[in-house]
Amino acid sequence: MSALEVRSIWKYYEGKPLLRGVTFHVDLGETVCLLGPSGSGKSTILRIIAGLEEADSGQILWEGKDLAGVPAHRREFGLMFQDYALFPHRDVAGNVAFGLVMRGLPRRDIERRVREALQRVNLSEFATRRVTDLSGGEQQRVALARALAPQPRLLMLDEPLAALDRALREQLGEELRRILHEERLPAIYVTHDQGEAFVIADRLVLLHEGIVQQSGAPEEVYNRPANTWVARFLGLSNLVAGVVEKTSPLIVHTALGEFQAQCEHPHHAPGERVTVLLGPGSARPLDGTNKEQNVLRGEVEDTVFRGEGFRVDLRVGDGQSLRFFLDRKLTPGEVVSLAVAPEEVRCLGSQ
């Protein structure tokens, strides 16, 4: 049984649907990332789960029990906001202790929990510091310690790294992943940054216009996007329009040639218009000008060394630019043929 189940949640604002039948689950010890652009409904989902807002229909269940009618303070869920919401007139320990004081816990228990929470986020020596004297990264750790101190059954984090610079986001993202795994605490993490999501999440739930477009492990979603929106959102731009020529095996005719593709939706028919995704790591240079399937020809626009290989931008066909990662340096202006592995050519849904 999952720890948390979100079942067919609908939410309307001003008569228009913001959430359209959102369904997903969170297992014990799992970090699920809600990933999508601004306005896709991610933060609203957190507020509904937390009990701060009501859905128009659908269910939120914890260990199989419907939470309808259970007030926020009785759900025992922790919520960490994007702006941290720290109290400037309190020191670090006072901020971490605030929720425990509101619960009326004995002073000795409060002091112990504050001490343990600060140890988890490596801020034991900062207990008496003013939060206004801390860096953005240190304030983020204080907010996390405050969320952990009440020992919540579920932790929800709403864009907690958004205000930090890229280098600090990467560092603290790794720390968050470590802390969440050590605590074995089920968590929901909201972000619009796919790189951040890939670092932190055990499983992704991709949202667009209030609809779950795809869910799965980060590597699964990246390697097998469900539709063109998912591919574009994840930065997979090698998308080529085509027409199904035959289905066994699936052959798609495009302006760049014929490609044997993998079929994500098993009911394509000859003559159907589709989009194929050419995986960016799927190509290798060919010697000569082979004309067989899964070969494309173009002019190298740019080559950039990226540590483990070379990023190559290739202009093909009527001027479309495709991007591949190769183990060989190519020269700008050079005309080349690339063979694309059939298992890395995917026929996508039209969303």
Protein backbone atom coordinates (compact mmCIF):
# COMPACT_ATOMS: atom_id res chain seq x y z
CA MET A 1 0.00 0.00 0.00
CA SER A 2 1.25 3.49 -0.86
CA ALA A 3 1.75 6.01 1.94
CA LEU A 4 -0.08 8.77 0.05
CA GLU A 5 -2.58 8.44 -2.77
CA VAL A 6 -3.88 11.36 -4.81
CA ARG A 7 -6.95 10.22 -6.74
CA SER A 8 -8.50 12.15 -9.62
CA ILE A 9 -8.19 15.63 -8.11
CA TRP A 10 -10.07 18.42 -9.90
CA LYS A 11 -9.83 22.08 -8.97
CA TYR A 12 -11.52 25.04 -10.65
CA TYR A 13 -10.68 28.75 -10.46
CA GLU A 14 -13.13 31.31 -11.86
CA GLY A 15 -14.98 28.51 -13.61
CA LYS A 16 -11.90 27.17 -15.39
CA PRO A 17 -10.13 23.90 -14.49
CA LEU A 18 -6.68 24.28 -12.94
CA LEU A 19 -6.28 20.59 -12.04
CA ARG A 20 -7.83 17.98 -14.31
CA GLY A 21 -8.06 14.58 -12.70
CA VAL A 22 -4.56 14.54 -11.18
CA THR A 23 -3.64 11.07 -9.90
CA PHE A 24 -0.36 9.83 -8.43
CA HIS A 25 1.01 8.12 -5.32
CA VAL A 26 3.99 8.35 -2.96
CA ASP A 27 5.49 5.24 -1.38
CA LEU A 28 7.19 5.10 2.02
CA GLY A 29 10.73 6.44 1.77
CA GLU A 30 10.16 7.77 -1.76
CA THR A 31 10.72 11.29 -3.09
CA VAL A 32 8.27 12.17 -5.85
CA CYS A 33 8.92 15.34 -7.81
CA LEU A 34 6.06 17.34 -9.33
CA LEU A 35 7.74 18.85 -12.37
CA GLY A 36 6.22 21.35 -14.76
CA PRO A 37 6.12 24.99 -15.86
CA SER A 38 4.64 27.82 -13.80
CA GLY A 39 0.85 27.68 -13.75
CA SER A 40 0.59 23.92 -14.16
CA GLY A 41 -0.98 23.50 -10.70
CA LYS A 42 1.94 22.07 -8.73
CA SER A 43 1.69 24.32 -5.65
CA THR A 44 -2.10 23.97 -5.58
CA ILE A 45 -1.70 20.20 -5.35
CA LEU A 46 0.55 20.64 -2.29
CA ARG A 47 -1.95 22.94 -0.61
CA ILE A 48 -4.77 20.46 -1.21
CA ILE A 49 -2.70 17.58 0.19
CA ALA A 50 -1.72 19.72 3.21
CA GLY A 51 -5.38 20.55 3.90
CA LEU A 52 -4.91 24.27 3.26
CA GLU A 53 -7.23 24.17 0.26
CA GLU A 54 -10.10 21.92 -0.80
CA ALA A 55 -10.39 20.08 -4.11
CA ASP A 56 -13.65 20.34 -6.04
CA SER A 57 -13.60 16.55 -6.46
CA GLY A 58 -11.26 13.62 -5.91
CA GLN A 59 -9.62 12.08 -2.85
CA ILE A 60 -6.45 12.39 -0.78
CA LEU A 61 -5.70 9.18 1.13
CA TRP A 62 -3.04 8.42 3.72
CA GLU A 63 -2.37 4.71 4.19
CA GLY A 64 -5.73 4.02 2.56
CA LYS A 65 -7.76 6.40 4.75
CA ASP A 66 -9.57 9.35 3.17
CA LEU A 67 -8.39 12.67 4.63
CA ALA A 68 -11.56 14.57 3.71
CA GLY A 69 -12.55 16.68 6.69
CA VAL A 70 -9.20 16.21 8.50
CA PRO A 71 -7.82 19.71 9.28
CA ALA A 72 -4.31 20.64 8.27
CA HIS A 73 -2.84 20.50 11.79
CA ARG A 74 -4.06 16.92 12.28
CA ARG A 75 -2.61 15.55 9.05
CA GLU A 76 0.93 15.69 10.46
CA PHE A 77 2.39 16.74 7.12
CA GLY A 78 5.31 19.16 6.84
CA LEU A 79 5.33 21.94 4.25
CA MET A 80 8.41 23.97 3.32
CA PHE A 81 7.71 27.11 1.31
CA GLN A 82 9.75 28.74 -1.43
CA ASP A 83 10.38 31.92 0.60
CA TYR A 84 11.24 29.88 3.76
CA ALA A 85 8.86 32.07 5.87
CA LEU A 86 11.40 32.43 8.69
CA PHE A 87 10.78 34.78 11.62
CA PRO A 88 13.42 37.56 11.49
CA HIS A 89 13.04 38.39 15.20
CA ARG A 90 13.90 34.81 16.27
CA ASP A 91 17.25 33.08 16.23
CA VAL A 92 17.84 29.81 14.39
CA ALA A 93 16.80 27.60 17.31
CA GLY A 94 13.70 29.73 17.89
CA ASN A 95 12.63 29.31 14.27
CA VAL A 96 13.13 25.55 14.37
CA ALA A 97 11.27 25.29 17.68
CA PHE A 98 8.25 27.37 16.64
CA GLY A 99 6.01 24.54 15.44
CA LEU A 100 6.92 22.40 18.45
CA VAL A 101 6.01 25.20 20.85
CA MET A 102 2.65 25.62 19.10
CA ARG A 103 2.00 21.93 19.71
CA GLY A 104 2.62 22.38 23.41
CA LEU A 105 5.49 19.88 23.66
CA PRO A 106 7.52 19.81 26.89
CA ARG A 107 10.56 22.09 26.86
CA ARG A 108 13.01 19.19 27.15
CA ASP A 109 11.47 17.46 24.11
CA ILE A 110 11.58 20.71 22.13
CA GLU A 111 15.25 21.25 22.90
CA ARG A 112 16.08 17.68 21.90
CA ARG A 113 14.18 17.84 18.63
CA VAL A 114 15.69 21.22 17.72
CA ARG A 115 19.18 19.86 18.43
CA GLU A 116 18.56 16.75 16.31
CA ALA A 117 17.04 18.73 13.42
CA LEU A 118 19.98 21.14 13.31
CA GLN A 119 22.40 18.20 13.32
CA ARG A 120 20.63 16.71 10.28
CA VAL A 121 21.20 19.87 8.24
CA ASN A 122 24.73 20.57 9.58
CA LEU A 123 23.77 23.73 11.47
CA SER A 124 24.46 22.65 15.06
CA GLU A 125 26.77 25.62 15.64
CA PHE A 126 24.23 28.14 14.33
CA ALA A 127 21.52 27.71 16.99
CA THR A 128 21.92 31.20 18.48
CA ARG A 129 22.51 33.04 15.20
CA ARG A 130 19.97 35.55 13.91
CA VAL A 131 18.40 34.24 10.72
CA THR A 132 18.90 37.65 9.12
CA ASP A 133 22.66 37.10 9.42
CA LEU A 134 22.58 33.86 7.45
CA SER A 135 23.21 33.27 3.77
CA GLY A 136 20.44 32.07 1.48
CA GLY A 137 21.72 28.51 1.64
CA GLU A 138 21.88 28.59 5.44
CA GLN A 139 18.35 29.98 5.65
CA GLN A 140 17.19 27.15 3.40
CA ARG A 141 18.71 24.65 5.85
CA VAL A 142 16.97 26.34 8.79
CA ALA A 143 13.63 26.07 6.98
CA LEU A 144 14.30 22.40 6.30
CA ALA A 145 15.22 21.78 9.95
CA ARG A 146 11.98 23.47 11.04
CA ALA A 147 10.00 21.22 8.69
CA LEU A 148 11.77 18.09 9.98
CA ALA A 149 11.61 18.88 13.71
CA PRO A 150 7.91 17.87 14.20
CA GLN A 151 8.75 14.48 12.61
CA PRO A 152 6.10 14.75 9.88
CA ARG A 153 4.63 11.68 8.20
CA LEU A 154 5.08 13.37 4.83
CA LEU A 155 7.32 16.28 3.83
CA MET A 156 6.33 18.65 1.02
CA LEU A 157 8.80 21.14 -0.45
CA ASP A 158 7.58 23.93 -2.75
CA GLU A 159 10.42 25.23 -4.99
CA PRO A 160 12.79 25.37 -1.96
CA LEU A 161 15.90 26.16 -4.02
CA ALA A 162 14.40 28.63 -6.50
CA ALA A 163 15.93 31.74 -4.90
CA LEU A 164 19.48 30.37 -4.91
CA ASP A 165 22.14 30.56 -7.62
CA ARG A 166 22.85 27.55 -9.84
CA ALA A 167 25.97 26.31 -8.01
CA LEU A 168 24.29 26.48 -4.60
CA ARG A 169 21.13 24.83 -5.95
CA GLU A 170 23.19 21.89 -7.18
CA GLN A 171 25.03 21.55 -3.85
CA LEU A 172 21.91 21.80 -1.70
CA GLY A 173 19.97 19.55 -4.06
CA GLU A 174 22.46 16.77 -3.39
CA GLU A 175 22.20 17.43 0.36
CA LEU A 176 18.40 17.34 0.26
CA ARG A 177 18.47 14.01 -1.54
CA ARG A 178 20.84 12.59 1.09
CA ILE A 179 18.75 13.86 4.02
CA LEU A 180 15.46 12.59 2.59
CA HIS A 181 16.92 9.15 1.92
CA GLU A 182 18.54 8.95 5.35
CA GLU A 183 15.25 9.89 7.03
CA ARG A 184 13.30 7.37 4.88
CA LEU A 185 10.66 10.08 4.80
CA PRO A 186 8.10 10.14 1.97
CA ALA A 187 8.37 13.51 0.26
CA ILE A 188 6.83 15.55 -2.55
CA TYR A 189 9.18 18.05 -4.17
CA VAL A 190 7.86 20.77 -6.48
CA THR A 191 10.07 22.40 -9.11
CA HIS A 192 10.07 23.71 -12.68
CA ASP A 193 13.77 22.84 -13.12
CA GLN A 194 14.30 19.42 -14.70
CA GLY A 195 17.98 19.27 -13.74
CA GLU A 196 17.05 19.81 -10.09
CA ALA A 197 14.31 17.19 -10.36
CA PHE A 198 16.68 14.60 -11.84
CA VAL A 199 19.05 15.04 -8.87
CA ILE A 200 16.43 14.79 -6.12
CA ALA A 201 13.58 12.59 -7.38
CA ASP A 202 13.10 8.86 -7.18
CA ARG A 203 10.09 9.35 -9.44
CA LEU A 204 8.82 12.23 -11.57
CA VAL A 205 5.25 13.35 -12.18
CA LEU A 206 5.20 15.77 -15.14
CA LEU A 207 2.33 18.28 -15.15
CA HIS A 208 1.11 20.53 -17.95
CA GLU A 209 -2.10 22.57 -17.85
CA GLY A 210 -3.29 20.60 -14.81
CA ILE A 211 -2.88 17.19 -16.45
CA VAL A 212 -0.33 14.49 -15.58
CA GLN A 213 1.52 14.01 -18.87
CA GLN A 214 3.83 11.23 -17.67
CA SER A 215 5.21 9.67 -14.51
CA GLY A 216 8.15 7.37 -13.91
CA ALA A 217 11.79 7.19 -12.87
CA PRO A 218 13.88 10.12 -14.18
CA GLU A 219 15.84 7.93 -16.60
CA GLU A 220 12.66 6.33 -17.91
CA VAL A 221 10.94 9.66 -18.54
CA TYR A 222 14.02 11.14 -20.23
CA ASN A 223 14.72 8.11 -22.42
CA ARG A 224 11.07 7.38 -23.25
CA PRO A 225 9.04 10.62 -23.24
CA ALA A 226 5.33 9.96 -23.64
CA ASN A 227 4.61 12.82 -26.06
CA THR A 228 6.09 15.83 -27.82
CA TRP A 229 5.33 18.21 -24.92
CA VAL A 230 7.33 16.05 -22.49
CA ALA A 231 10.20 15.80 -24.98
CA ARG A 232 10.36 19.56 -25.53
CA PHE A 233 10.05 20.35 -21.82
CA LEU A 234 13.00 18.07 -21.08
CA GLY A 235 15.08 19.77 -23.77
CA LEU A 236 14.82 16.95 -26.31
CA SER A 237 14.45 19.01 -29.47
CA ASN A 238 15.36 16.48 -32.19
CA LEU A 239 11.72 16.20 -33.29
CA VAL A 240 10.93 15.42 -36.91
CA ALA A 241 7.47 15.23 -38.54
CA GLY A 242 6.71 12.11 -40.55
CA VAL A 243 4.16 9.65 -41.87
CA VAL A 244 3.87 6.00 -40.86
CA GLU A 245 4.87 3.84 -43.84
CA LYS A 246 4.39 0.44 -42.23
CA THR A 247 3.97 -0.93 -38.73
CA SER A 248 5.91 -4.21 -38.45
CA PRO A 249 8.57 -3.01 -37.93
CA LEU A 250 7.43 0.60 -37.52
CA ILE A 251 8.88 2.62 -40.40
CA VAL A 252 8.30 6.38 -40.56
CA HIS A 253 8.93 8.40 -43.71
CA THR A 254 10.27 11.94 -43.08
CA ALA A 255 11.78 14.74 -45.11
CA LEU A 256 15.17 13.56 -43.79
CA GLY A 257 14.71 9.94 -44.87
CA GLU A 258 13.15 6.77 -43.49
CA PHE A 259 13.54 5.82 -39.86
CA GLN A 260 12.80 2.58 -38.07
CA ALA A 261 11.30 3.64 -34.76
CA GLN A 262 10.13 2.31 -31.43
CA CYS A 263 6.40 2.65 -30.88
CA GLU A 264 5.20 4.12 -27.56
CA HIS A 265 1.56 3.84 -28.69
CA PRO A 266 0.94 0.45 -30.35
CA HIS A 267 -1.97 1.46 -32.58
CA HIS A 268 -0.33 3.53 -35.30
CA ALA A 269 -1.60 2.92 -38.82
CA PRO A 270 -0.01 3.40 -42.26
CA GLY A 271 -0.57 6.94 -43.49
CA GLU A 272 -0.83 8.39 -39.96
CA ARG A 273 1.03 11.64 -39.33
CA VAL A 274 3.41 11.34 -36.37
CA THR A 275 6.46 12.92 -34.76
CA VAL A 276 9.68 11.01 -34.23
CA LEU A 277 12.29 11.84 -31.62
CA LEU A 278 15.93 11.18 -32.52
CA GLY A 279 17.75 10.55 -29.24
CA PRO A 280 20.63 13.03 -28.77
CA GLY A 281 23.03 10.25 -27.76
CA SER A 282 21.94 7.84 -30.45
CA ALA A 283 24.05 8.82 -33.49
CA ARG A 284 27.46 7.86 -34.83
CA PRO A 285 29.34 9.29 -37.83
CA LEU A 286 29.51 7.15 -40.97
CA ASP A 287 32.23 6.99 -43.56
CA GLY A 288 30.68 7.55 -46.98
CA THR A 289 27.13 8.55 -47.91
CA ASN A 290 25.04 5.54 -46.94
CA LYS A 291 21.37 5.78 -47.93
CA GLU A 292 19.88 3.02 -45.78
CA GLN A 293 17.28 3.60 -43.10
CA ASN A 294 18.11 5.65 -39.99
CA VAL A 295 20.80 7.68 -41.70
CA LEU A 296 20.64 11.47 -41.95
CA ARG A 297 22.94 13.86 -43.72
CA GLY A 298 23.70 17.46 -42.82
CA GLU A 299 26.18 20.23 -42.30
CA VAL A 300 27.94 20.71 -38.97
CA GLU A 301 27.03 24.11 -37.52
CA ASP A 302 28.98 23.94 -34.29
CA THR A 303 30.97 21.55 -32.10
CA VAL A 304 31.45 22.09 -28.36
CA PHE A 305 33.55 19.93 -26.04
CA ARG A 306 31.44 18.83 -23.06
CA GLY A 307 33.83 16.75 -20.95
CA GLU A 308 32.60 13.28 -21.87
CA GLY A 309 32.33 14.01 -25.58
CA PHE A 310 31.28 16.64 -28.09
CA ARG A 311 27.96 18.39 -28.57
CA VAL A 312 27.36 18.71 -32.29
CA ASP A 313 24.71 20.93 -33.90
CA LEU A 314 23.78 19.63 -37.34
CA ARG A 315 21.75 21.55 -39.93
CA VAL A 316 19.65 19.18 -42.00
CA GLY A 317 16.93 19.15 -44.65
CA ASP A 318 15.19 22.49 -45.02
CA GLY A 319 17.28 24.17 -42.34
CA GLN A 320 16.18 22.37 -39.18
CA SER A 321 18.90 22.13 -36.53
CA LEU A 322 19.40 18.86 -34.63
CA ARG A 323 21.73 18.27 -31.68
CA PHE A 324 23.71 15.12 -30.94
CA PHE A 325 26.41 14.08 -28.47
CA LEU A 326 29.30 12.24 -30.14
CA ASP A 327 32.63 10.83 -29.06
CA ARG A 328 34.32 12.42 -32.08
CA LYS A 329 35.03 16.09 -32.85
CA LEU A 330 33.52 17.31 -36.11
CA THR A 331 34.49 20.47 -37.98
CA PRO A 332 31.98 23.29 -38.54
CA GLY A 333 31.07 23.42 -42.23
CA GLU A 334 31.76 19.71 -42.69
CA VAL A 335 29.02 17.68 -44.38
CA VAL A 336 28.52 14.36 -42.59
CA SER A 337 26.24 11.32 -42.45
CA LEU A 338 25.07 10.06 -39.08
CA ALA A 339 23.55 6.65 -38.35
CA VAL A 340 20.84 6.80 -35.68
CA ALA A 341 20.28 3.68 -33.59
CA PRO A 342 16.72 2.35 -34.23
CA GLU A 343 16.12 1.73 -30.52
CA GLU A 344 16.71 5.46 -29.91
CA VAL A 345 14.17 6.65 -32.49
CA ARG A 346 10.78 7.00 -30.82
CA CYS A 347 7.38 7.69 -32.30
CA LEU A 348 5.62 10.08 -29.92
CA GLY A 349 2.10 11.03 -29.05
CA SER A 350 0.85 14.34 -30.34
CA GLN A 351 0.23 16.21 -27.01
